[in-house]
Amino acid sequence: MNIGKMMKNFQKMQTKLQAEMDALEVEATAGGGVVTARMNGKKELLSVKLTEDAITPDDPEMMEDLVVAAVNECGRKVDEKLAELTQGMTGGMNIPGLG
């Protein structure tokens, strides 16, 4: 295969992957849904929502733990989606640096 053509195809895949990751938003909950976090494909936290049940003045550590758990789960979901996208675009080829 022509190296120039391979590089052009790789650049197209990279551009498409970046566009999909830029558009990606994931959501995760913790504590049975009392904390909800949203994150984009760049792993930037977009929002955190707390229900009244999450706000416990007598146990702030529980609320902190639930927020951390929801945010961490969002990060895992972004990683999973990135792995799915790169595997789908590369047809399962093992390309170093692409998950």
PDB file of N, CA and C in Angstrom:
ATOM      1  N   MET A   1       0.838  -1.181   0.000  1.00  0.00           N
ATOM      2  CA  MET A   1       0.000   0.000   0.000  1.00  0.00           C
ATOM      3  C   MET A   1       0.885   1.247   0.000  1.00  0.00           C
ATOM      4  N   ASN A   2       0.436   2.263  -0.620  1.00  0.00           N
ATOM      5  CA  ASN A   2       1.139   3.527  -0.728  1.00  0.00           C
ATOM      6  C   ASN A   2       1.157   4.234   0.636  1.00  0.00           C
ATOM      7  N   ILE A   3       2.345   4.627   1.106  1.00  0.00           N
ATOM      8  CA  ILE A   3       2.498   5.290   2.404  1.00  0.00           C
ATOM      9  C   ILE A   3       1.736   6.614   2.427  1.00  0.00           C
ATOM     10  N   GLY A   4       1.775   7.370   1.365  1.00  0.00           N
ATOM     11  CA  GLY A   4       1.056   8.641   1.301  1.00  0.00           C
ATOM     12  C   GLY A   4      -0.442   8.451   1.480  1.00  0.00           C
ATOM     13  N   LYS A   5      -0.966   7.412   0.833  1.00  0.00           N
ATOM     14  CA  LYS A   5      -2.394   7.117   0.947  1.00  0.00           C
ATOM     15  C   LYS A   5      -2.736   6.671   2.373  1.00  0.00           C
ATOM     16  N   MET A   6      -1.858   5.875   2.968  1.00  0.00           N
ATOM     17  CA  MET A   6      -2.072   5.431   4.349  1.00  0.00           C
ATOM     18  C   MET A   6      -2.105   6.624   5.295  1.00  0.00           C
ATOM     19  N   MET A   7      -1.185   7.559   5.116  1.00  0.00           N
ATOM     20  CA  MET A   7      -1.128   8.735   5.989  1.00  0.00           C
ATOM     21  C   MET A   7      -2.379   9.601   5.815  1.00  0.00           C
ATOM     22  N   LYS A   8      -2.830   9.744   4.583  1.00  0.00           N
ATOM     23  CA  LYS A   8      -4.038  10.526   4.320  1.00  0.00           C
ATOM     24  C   LYS A   8      -5.253   9.865   4.982  1.00  0.00           C
ATOM     25  N   ASN A   9      -5.338   8.539   4.872  1.00  0.00           N
ATOM     26  CA  ASN A   9      -6.435   7.812   5.517  1.00  0.00           C
ATOM     27  C   ASN A   9      -6.362   7.944   7.035  1.00  0.00           C
ATOM     28  N   PHE A  10      -5.152   7.869   7.576  1.00  0.00           N
ATOM     29  CA  PHE A  10      -4.966   8.018   9.013  1.00  0.00           C
ATOM     30  C   PHE A  10      -5.408   9.410   9.464  1.00  0.00           C
ATOM     31  N   GLN A  11      -5.054  10.440   8.704  1.00  0.00           N
ATOM     32  CA  GLN A  11      -5.454  11.799   9.065  1.00  0.00           C
ATOM     33  C   GLN A  11      -6.977  11.956   9.034  1.00  0.00           C
ATOM     34  N   LYS A  12      -7.628  11.322   8.066  1.00  0.00           N
ATOM     35  CA  LYS A  12      -9.097  11.360   7.999  1.00  0.00           C
ATOM     36  C   LYS A  12      -9.697  10.685   9.224  1.00  0.00           C
ATOM     37  N   MET A  13      -9.144   9.522   9.589  1.00  0.00           N
ATOM     38  CA  MET A  13      -9.635   8.816  10.780  1.00  0.00           C
ATOM     39  C   MET A  13      -9.437   9.662  12.025  1.00  0.00           C
ATOM     40  N   GLN A  14      -8.287  10.297  12.126  1.00  0.00           N
ATOM     41  CA  GLN A  14      -7.979  11.121  13.291  1.00  0.00           C
ATOM     42  C   GLN A  14      -8.933  12.315  13.383  1.00  0.00           C
ATOM     43  N   THR A  15      -9.223  12.939  12.263  1.00  0.00           N
ATOM     44  CA  THR A  15     -10.144  14.072  12.233  1.00  0.00           C
ATOM     45  C   THR A  15     -11.544  13.630  12.629  1.00  0.00           C
ATOM     46  N   LYS A  16     -11.974  12.491  12.101  1.00  0.00           N
ATOM     47  CA  LYS A  16     -13.305  11.973  12.424  1.00  0.00           C
ATOM     48  C   LYS A  16     -13.392  11.611  13.901  1.00  0.00           C
ATOM     49  N   LEU A  17     -12.359  10.977  14.427  1.00  0.00           N
ATOM     50  CA  LEU A  17     -12.324  10.601  15.833  1.00  0.00           C
ATOM     51  C   LEU A  17     -12.394  11.846  16.713  1.00  0.00           C
ATOM     52  N   GLN A  18     -11.628  12.870  16.366  1.00  0.00           N
ATOM     53  CA  GLN A  18     -11.633  14.104  17.154  1.00  0.00           C
ATOM     54  C   GLN A  18     -13.013  14.747  17.147  1.00  0.00           C
ATOM     55  N   ALA A  19     -13.668  14.755  16.002  1.00  0.00           N
ATOM     56  CA  ALA A  19     -15.006  15.342  15.906  1.00  0.00           C
ATOM     57  C   ALA A  19     -15.999  14.566  16.766  1.00  0.00           C
ATOM     58  N   GLU A  20     -15.899  13.243  16.748  1.00  0.00           N
ATOM     59  CA  GLU A  20     -16.808  12.436  17.560  1.00  0.00           C
ATOM     60  C   GLU A  20     -16.542  12.625  19.046  1.00  0.00           C
ATOM     61  N   MET A  21     -15.292  12.733  19.426  1.00  0.00           N
ATOM     62  CA  MET A  21     -14.963  12.938  20.838  1.00  0.00           C
ATOM     63  C   MET A  21     -15.395  14.339  21.281  1.00  0.00           C
ATOM     64  N   ASP A  22     -15.268  15.332  20.403  1.00  0.00           N
ATOM     65  CA  ASP A  22     -15.707  16.684  20.744  1.00  0.00           C
ATOM     66  C   ASP A  22     -17.215  16.729  20.972  1.00  0.00           C
ATOM     67  N   ALA A  23     -17.968  15.927  20.238  1.00  0.00           N
ATOM     68  CA  ALA A  23     -19.422  15.908  20.352  1.00  0.00           C
ATOM     69  C   ALA A  23     -19.906  14.996  21.482  1.00  0.00           C
ATOM     70  N   LEU A  24     -19.032  14.153  21.995  1.00  0.00           N
ATOM     71  CA  LEU A  24     -19.424  13.166  23.005  1.00  0.00           C
ATOM     72  C   LEU A  24     -19.768  13.816  24.339  1.00  0.00           C
ATOM     73  N   GLU A  25     -20.848  13.357  24.929  1.00  0.00           N
ATOM     74  CA  GLU A  25     -21.198  13.686  26.305  1.00  0.00           C
ATOM     75  C   GLU A  25     -21.670  12.406  26.961  1.00  0.00           C
ATOM     76  N   VAL A  26     -21.171  12.151  28.165  1.00  0.00           N
ATOM     77  CA  VAL A  26     -21.588  10.973  28.915  1.00  0.00           C
ATOM     78  C   VAL A  26     -22.163  11.430  30.246  1.00  0.00           C
ATOM     79  N   GLU A  27     -22.963  10.547  30.833  1.00  0.00           N
ATOM     80  CA  GLU A  27     -23.575  10.833  32.121  1.00  0.00           C
ATOM     81  C   GLU A  27     -23.422   9.600  32.994  1.00  0.00           C
ATOM     82  N   ALA A  28     -23.192   9.833  34.275  1.00  0.00           N
ATOM     83  CA  ALA A  28     -23.086   8.736  35.224  1.00  0.00           C
ATOM     84  C   ALA A  28     -23.721   9.177  36.533  1.00  0.00           C
ATOM     85  N   THR A  29     -24.221   8.190  37.265  1.00  0.00           N
ATOM     86  CA  THR A  29     -24.837   8.479  38.553  1.00  0.00           C
ATOM     87  C   THR A  29     -24.142   7.684  39.644  1.00  0.00           C
ATOM     88  N   ALA A  30     -24.390   8.105  40.868  1.00  0.00           N
ATOM     89  CA  ALA A  30     -23.875   7.393  42.038  1.00  0.00           C
ATOM     90  C   ALA A  30     -24.934   7.462  43.127  1.00  0.00           C
ATOM     91  N   GLY A  31     -24.842   6.524  44.040  1.00  0.00           N
ATOM     92  CA  GLY A  31     -25.779   6.512  45.157  1.00  0.00           C
ATOM     93  C   GLY A  31     -27.209   6.265  44.738  1.00  0.00           C
ATOM     94  N   GLY A  32     -27.376   5.420  43.739  1.00  0.00           N
ATOM     95  CA  GLY A  32     -28.732   5.130  43.279  1.00  0.00           C
ATOM     96  C   GLY A  32     -29.395   6.298  42.576  1.00  0.00           C
ATOM     97  N   GLY A  33     -28.587   7.196  42.033  1.00  0.00           N
ATOM     98  CA  GLY A  33     -29.128   8.313  41.266  1.00  0.00           C
ATOM     99  C   GLY A  33     -29.212   9.622  42.028  1.00  0.00           C
ATOM    100  N   VAL A  34     -28.698   9.671  43.258  1.00  0.00           N
ATOM    101  CA  VAL A  34     -28.769  10.921  44.010  1.00  0.00           C
ATOM    102  C   VAL A  34     -27.744  11.944  43.527  1.00  0.00           C
ATOM    103  N   VAL A  35     -26.688  11.475  42.846  1.00  0.00           N
ATOM    104  CA  VAL A  35     -25.699  12.373  42.241  1.00  0.00           C
ATOM    105  C   VAL A  35     -25.567  11.994  40.770  1.00  0.00           C
ATOM    106  N   THR A  36     -25.651  12.985  39.899  1.00  0.00           N
ATOM    107  CA  THR A  36     -25.499  12.773  38.464  1.00  0.00           C
ATOM    108  C   THR A  36     -24.426  13.718  37.948  1.00  0.00           C
ATOM    109  N   ALA A  37     -23.476  13.170  37.206  1.00  0.00           N
ATOM    110  CA  ALA A  37     -22.411  13.974  36.608  1.00  0.00           C
ATOM    111  C   ALA A  37     -22.466  13.828  35.097  1.00  0.00           C
ATOM    112  N   ARG A  38     -22.124  14.912  34.385  1.00  0.00           N
ATOM    113  CA  ARG A  38     -22.017  14.900  32.922  1.00  0.00           C
ATOM    114  C   ARG A  38     -20.615  15.368  32.558  1.00  0.00           C
ATOM    115  N   MET A  39     -20.040  14.701  31.548  1.00  0.00           N
ATOM    116  CA  MET A  39     -18.676  15.001  31.123  1.00  0.00           C
ATOM    117  C   MET A  39     -18.627  14.931  29.605  1.00  0.00           C
ATOM    118  N   ASN A  40     -17.755  15.745  28.997  1.00  0.00           N
ATOM    119  CA  ASN A  40     -17.603  15.677  27.550  1.00  0.00           C
ATOM    120  C   ASN A  40     -16.442  14.746  27.176  1.00  0.00           C
ATOM    121  N   GLY A  41     -16.226  14.595  25.893  1.00  0.00           N
ATOM    122  CA  GLY A  41     -15.193  13.686  25.404  1.00  0.00           C
ATOM    123  C   GLY A  41     -13.772  14.116  25.706  1.00  0.00           C
ATOM    124  N   LYS A  42     -13.608  15.348  26.163  1.00  0.00           N
ATOM    125  CA  LYS A  42     -12.286  15.837  26.563  1.00  0.00           C
ATOM    126  C   LYS A  42     -12.065  15.638  28.060  1.00  0.00           C
ATOM    127  N   LYS A  43     -12.997  14.944  28.689  1.00  0.00           N
ATOM    128  CA  LYS A  43     -12.996  14.693  30.135  1.00  0.00           C
ATOM    129  C   LYS A  43     -13.114  15.979  30.940  1.00  0.00           C
ATOM    130  N   GLU A  44     -13.843  16.935  30.384  1.00  0.00           N
ATOM    131  CA  GLU A  44     -14.161  18.154  31.115  1.00  0.00           C
ATOM    132  C   GLU A  44     -15.522  17.952  31.775  1.00  0.00           C
ATOM    133  N   LEU A  45     -15.605  18.221  33.059  1.00  0.00           N
ATOM    134  CA  LEU A  45     -16.854  18.079  33.788  1.00  0.00           C
ATOM    135  C   LEU A  45     -17.801  19.185  33.356  1.00  0.00           C
ATOM    136  N   LEU A  46     -18.991  18.812  32.897  1.00  0.00           N
ATOM    137  CA  LEU A  46     -19.964  19.785  32.414  1.00  0.00           C
ATOM    138  C   LEU A  46     -20.965  20.178  33.493  1.00  0.00           C
ATOM    139  N   SER A  47     -21.372  19.193  34.299  1.00  0.00           N
ATOM    140  CA  SER A  47     -22.331  19.505  35.358  1.00  0.00           C
ATOM    141  C   SER A  47     -22.339  18.403  36.402  1.00  0.00           C
ATOM    142  N   VAL A  48     -22.791  18.791  37.579  1.00  0.00           N
ATOM    143  CA  VAL A  48     -23.043  17.856  38.675  1.00  0.00           C
ATOM    144  C   VAL A  48     -24.387  18.245  39.262  1.00  0.00           C
ATOM    145  N   LYS A  49     -25.279  17.281  39.356  1.00  0.00           N
ATOM    146  CA  LYS A  49     -26.597  17.528  39.930  1.00  0.00           C
ATOM    147  C   LYS A  49     -26.753  16.654  41.174  1.00  0.00           C
ATOM    148  N   LEU A  50     -27.305  17.265  42.210  1.00  0.00           N
ATOM    149  CA  LEU A  50     -27.540  16.561  43.465  1.00  0.00           C
ATOM    150  C   LEU A  50     -29.030  16.591  43.781  1.00  0.00           C
ATOM    151  N   THR A  51     -29.578  15.452  44.179  1.00  0.00           N
ATOM    152  CA  THR A  51     -30.950  15.458  44.671  1.00  0.00           C
ATOM    153  C   THR A  51     -30.916  15.862  46.143  1.00  0.00           C
ATOM    154  N   GLU A  52     -32.072  16.132  46.690  1.00  0.00           N
ATOM    155  CA  GLU A  52     -32.140  16.493  48.111  1.00  0.00           C
ATOM    156  C   GLU A  52     -31.554  15.395  48.996  1.00  0.00           C
ATOM    157  N   ASP A  53     -31.715  14.141  48.574  1.00  0.00           N
ATOM    158  CA  ASP A  53     -31.190  13.018  49.360  1.00  0.00           C
ATOM    159  C   ASP A  53     -29.672  13.026  49.449  1.00  0.00           C
ATOM    160  N   ALA A  54     -29.012  13.663  48.493  1.00  0.00           N
ATOM    161  CA  ALA A  54     -27.552  13.694  48.497  1.00  0.00           C
ATOM    162  C   ALA A  54     -27.005  14.745  49.455  1.00  0.00           C
ATOM    163  N   ILE A  55     -27.840  15.723  49.755  1.00  0.00           N
ATOM    164  CA  ILE A  55     -27.394  16.831  50.601  1.00  0.00           C
ATOM    165  C   ILE A  55     -27.688  16.487  52.058  1.00  0.00           C
ATOM    166  N   THR A  56     -26.638  16.055  52.734  1.00  0.00           N
ATOM    167  CA  THR A  56     -26.773  15.637  54.129  1.00  0.00           C
ATOM    168  C   THR A  56     -25.796  16.435  54.979  1.00  0.00           C
ATOM    169  N   PRO A  57     -26.269  17.500  55.617  1.00  0.00           N
ATOM    170  CA  PRO A  57     -25.369  18.352  56.402  1.00  0.00           C
ATOM    171  C   PRO A  57     -24.628  17.597  57.510  1.00  0.00           C
ATOM    172  N   ASP A  58     -25.240  16.521  58.012  1.00  0.00           N
ATOM    173  CA  ASP A  58     -24.599  15.768  59.084  1.00  0.00           C
ATOM    174  C   ASP A  58     -23.558  14.773  58.576  1.00  0.00           C
ATOM    175  N   ASP A  59     -23.486  14.573  57.250  1.00  0.00           N
ATOM    176  CA  ASP A  59     -22.512  13.634  56.687  1.00  0.00           C
ATOM    177  C   ASP A  59     -21.991  14.156  55.344  1.00  0.00           C
ATOM    178  N   PRO A  60     -21.248  15.256  55.352  1.00  0.00           N
ATOM    179  CA  PRO A  60     -20.768  15.819  54.077  1.00  0.00           C
ATOM    180  C   PRO A  60     -19.805  14.884  53.348  1.00  0.00           C
ATOM    181  N   GLU A  61     -19.108  14.018  54.069  1.00  0.00           N
ATOM    182  CA  GLU A  61     -18.180  13.091  53.415  1.00  0.00           C
ATOM    183  C   GLU A  61     -18.916  12.152  52.468  1.00  0.00           C
ATOM    184  N   MET A  62     -20.146  11.763  52.809  1.00  0.00           N
ATOM    185  CA  MET A  62     -20.905  10.879  51.925  1.00  0.00           C
ATOM    186  C   MET A  62     -21.194  11.588  50.604  1.00  0.00           C
ATOM    187  N   MET A  63     -21.608  12.851  50.683  1.00  0.00           N
ATOM    188  CA  MET A  63     -21.898  13.600  49.468  1.00  0.00           C
ATOM    189  C   MET A  63     -20.625  13.753  48.635  1.00  0.00           C
ATOM    190  N   GLU A  64     -19.515  14.044  49.267  1.00  0.00           N
ATOM    191  CA  GLU A  64     -18.248  14.173  48.553  1.00  0.00           C
ATOM    192  C   GLU A  64     -17.888  12.870  47.855  1.00  0.00           C
ATOM    193  N   ASP A  65     -18.050  11.744  48.552  1.00  0.00           N
ATOM    194  CA  ASP A  65     -17.736  10.439  47.964  1.00  0.00           C
ATOM    195  C   ASP A  65     -18.623  10.135  46.763  1.00  0.00           C
ATOM    196  N   LEU A  66     -19.907  10.492  46.860  1.00  0.00           N
ATOM    197  CA  LEU A  66     -20.825  10.238  45.747  1.00  0.00           C
ATOM    198  C   LEU A  66     -20.468  11.085  44.531  1.00  0.00           C
ATOM    199  N   VAL A  67     -20.069  12.329  44.747  1.00  0.00           N
ATOM    200  CA  VAL A  67     -19.666  13.193  43.634  1.00  0.00           C
ATOM    201  C   VAL A  67     -18.419  12.615  42.961  1.00  0.00           C
ATOM    202  N   VAL A  68     -17.439  12.222  43.770  1.00  0.00           N
ATOM    203  CA  VAL A  68     -16.209  11.636  43.216  1.00  0.00           C
ATOM    204  C   VAL A  68     -16.537  10.371  42.424  1.00  0.00           C
ATOM    205  N   ALA A  69     -17.412   9.530  42.955  1.00  0.00           N
ATOM    206  CA  ALA A  69     -17.767   8.285  42.266  1.00  0.00           C
ATOM    207  C   ALA A  69     -18.441   8.566  40.923  1.00  0.00           C
ATOM    208  N   ALA A  70     -19.359   9.516  40.886  1.00  0.00           N
ATOM    209  CA  ALA A  70     -20.056   9.833  39.638  1.00  0.00           C
ATOM    210  C   ALA A  70     -19.091  10.414  38.603  1.00  0.00           C
ATOM    211  N   VAL A  71     -18.198  11.289  39.034  1.00  0.00           N
ATOM    212  CA  VAL A  71     -17.233  11.898  38.111  1.00  0.00           C
ATOM    213  C   VAL A  71     -16.269  10.833  37.576  1.00  0.00           C
ATOM    214  N   ASN A  72     -15.786   9.971  38.455  1.00  0.00           N
ATOM    215  CA  ASN A  72     -14.880   8.912  38.011  1.00  0.00           C
ATOM    216  C   ASN A  72     -15.558   7.964  37.029  1.00  0.00           C
ATOM    217  N   GLU A  73     -16.831   7.666  37.252  1.00  0.00           N
ATOM    218  CA  GLU A  73     -17.556   6.792  36.327  1.00  0.00           C
ATOM    219  C   GLU A  73     -17.705   7.464  34.963  1.00  0.00           C
ATOM    220  N   CYS A  74     -17.926   8.767  34.946  1.00  0.00           N
ATOM    221  CA  CYS A  74     -17.963   9.492  33.669  1.00  0.00           C
ATOM    222  C   CYS A  74     -16.640   9.329  32.934  1.00  0.00           C
ATOM    223  N   GLY A  75     -15.532   9.475  33.632  1.00  0.00           N
ATOM    224  CA  GLY A  75     -14.213   9.313  33.017  1.00  0.00           C
ATOM    225  C   GLY A  75     -14.041   7.936  32.415  1.00  0.00           C
ATOM    226  N   ARG A  76     -14.505   6.910  33.138  1.00  0.00           N
ATOM    227  CA  ARG A  76     -14.427   5.538  32.600  1.00  0.00           C
ATOM    228  C   ARG A  76     -15.275   5.397  31.335  1.00  0.00           C
ATOM    229  N   LYS A  77     -16.449   6.020  31.344  1.00  0.00           N
ATOM    230  CA  LYS A  77     -17.318   5.941  30.162  1.00  0.00           C
ATOM    231  C   LYS A  77     -16.684   6.624  28.952  1.00  0.00           C
ATOM    232  N   VAL A  78     -16.015   7.746  29.169  1.00  0.00           N
ATOM    233  CA  VAL A  78     -15.315   8.422  28.065  1.00  0.00           C
ATOM    234  C   VAL A  78     -14.220   7.507  27.528  1.00  0.00           C
ATOM    235  N   ASP A  79     -13.447   6.885  28.423  1.00  0.00           N
ATOM    236  CA  ASP A  79     -12.386   5.969  27.993  1.00  0.00           C
ATOM    237  C   ASP A  79     -12.952   4.804  27.189  1.00  0.00           C
ATOM    238  N   GLU A  80     -14.072   4.237  27.654  1.00  0.00           N
ATOM    239  CA  GLU A  80     -14.699   3.116  26.940  1.00  0.00           C
ATOM    240  C   GLU A  80     -15.152   3.537  25.545  1.00  0.00           C
ATOM    241  N   LYS A  81     -15.763   4.711  25.460  1.00  0.00           N
ATOM    242  CA  LYS A  81     -16.249   5.192  24.166  1.00  0.00           C
ATOM    243  C   LYS A  81     -15.080   5.455  23.215  1.00  0.00           C
ATOM    244  N   LEU A  82     -13.999   6.023  23.731  1.00  0.00           N
ATOM    245  CA  LEU A  82     -12.809   6.250  22.904  1.00  0.00           C
ATOM    246  C   LEU A  82     -12.266   4.928  22.375  1.00  0.00           C
ATOM    247  N   ALA A  83     -12.213   3.912  23.236  1.00  0.00           N
ATOM    248  CA  ALA A  83     -11.728   2.595  22.808  1.00  0.00           C
ATOM    249  C   ALA A  83     -12.637   2.010  21.729  1.00  0.00           C
ATOM    250  N   GLU A  84     -13.953   2.154  21.904  1.00  0.00           N
ATOM    251  CA  GLU A  84     -14.900   1.657  20.894  1.00  0.00           C
ATOM    252  C   GLU A  84     -14.702   2.374  19.564  1.00  0.00           C
ATOM    253  N   LEU A  85     -14.584   3.692  19.633  1.00  0.00           N
ATOM    254  CA  LEU A  85     -14.438   4.472  18.400  1.00  0.00           C
ATOM    255  C   LEU A  85     -13.145   4.134  17.674  1.00  0.00           C
ATOM    256  N   THR A  86     -12.038   4.036  18.399  1.00  0.00           N
ATOM    257  CA  THR A  86     -10.769   3.757  17.733  1.00  0.00           C
ATOM    258  C   THR A  86     -10.750   2.344  17.175  1.00  0.00           C
ATOM    259  N   GLN A  87     -11.333   1.396  17.889  1.00  0.00           N
ATOM    260  CA  GLN A  87     -11.368   0.024  17.378  1.00  0.00           C
ATOM    261  C   GLN A  87     -12.236  -0.052  16.129  1.00  0.00           C
ATOM    262  N   GLY A  88     -13.362   0.651  16.138  1.00  0.00           N
ATOM    263  CA  GLY A  88     -14.240   0.649  14.975  1.00  0.00           C
ATOM    264  C   GLY A  88     -13.592   1.300  13.764  1.00  0.00           C
ATOM    265  N   MET A  89     -12.832   2.353  13.988  1.00  0.00           N
ATOM    266  CA  MET A  89     -12.209   3.074  12.873  1.00  0.00           C
ATOM    267  C   MET A  89     -10.986   2.359  12.329  1.00  0.00           C
ATOM    268  N   THR A  90     -10.301   1.616  13.182  1.00  0.00           N
ATOM    269  CA  THR A  90      -9.088   0.943  12.721  1.00  0.00           C
ATOM    270  C   THR A  90      -9.357  -0.500  12.314  1.00  0.00           C
ATOM    271  N   GLY A  91     -10.603  -0.910  12.402  1.00  0.00           N
ATOM    272  CA  GLY A  91     -10.949  -2.270  12.007  1.00  0.00           C
ATOM    273  C   GLY A  91     -10.255  -3.318  12.856  1.00  0.00           C
ATOM    274  N   GLY A  92      -9.970  -2.990  14.118  1.00  0.00           N
ATOM    275  CA  GLY A  92      -9.334  -3.943  15.018  1.00  0.00           C
ATOM    276  C   GLY A  92      -7.840  -4.019  14.886  1.00  0.00           C
ATOM    277  N   MET A  93      -7.242  -3.185  13.997  1.00  0.00           N
ATOM    278  CA  MET A  93      -5.792  -3.192  13.861  1.00  0.00           C
ATOM    279  C   MET A  93      -5.172  -2.691  15.150  1.00  0.00           C
ATOM    280  N   ASN A  94      -4.037  -3.220  15.507  1.00  0.00           N
ATOM    281  CA  ASN A  94      -3.327  -2.782  16.716  1.00  0.00           C
ATOM    282  C   ASN A  94      -2.359  -1.671  16.342  1.00  0.00           C
ATOM    283  N   ILE A  95      -2.816  -0.425  16.488  1.00  0.00           N
ATOM    284  CA  ILE A  95      -1.985   0.727  16.155  1.00  0.00           C
ATOM    285  C   ILE A  95      -1.526   1.362  17.455  1.00  0.00           C
ATOM    286  N   PRO A  96      -0.221   1.403  17.722  1.00  0.00           N
ATOM    287  CA  PRO A  96       0.264   1.982  18.971  1.00  0.00           C
ATOM    288  C   PRO A  96      -0.242   3.407  19.177  1.00  0.00           C
ATOM    289  N   GLY A  97      -0.677   3.682  20.418  1.00  0.00           N
ATOM    290  CA  GLY A  97      -1.133   5.021  20.759  1.00  0.00           C
ATOM    291  C   GLY A  97      -2.605   5.256  20.495  1.00  0.00           C
ATOM    292  N   LEU A  98      -3.313   4.275  19.941  1.00  0.00           N
ATOM    293  CA  LEU A  98      -4.751   4.412  19.679  1.00  0.00           C
ATOM    294  C   LEU A  98      -5.553   3.417  20.499  1.00  0.00           C
ATOM    295  N   GLY A  99      -5.279   3.357  21.794  1.00  0.00           N
ATOM    296  CA  GLY A  99      -6.073   2.483  22.660  1.00  0.00           C
ATOM    297  C   GLY A  99      -5.714   1.070  22.418  1.00  0.00           C
TER     298      GLY A  99
END
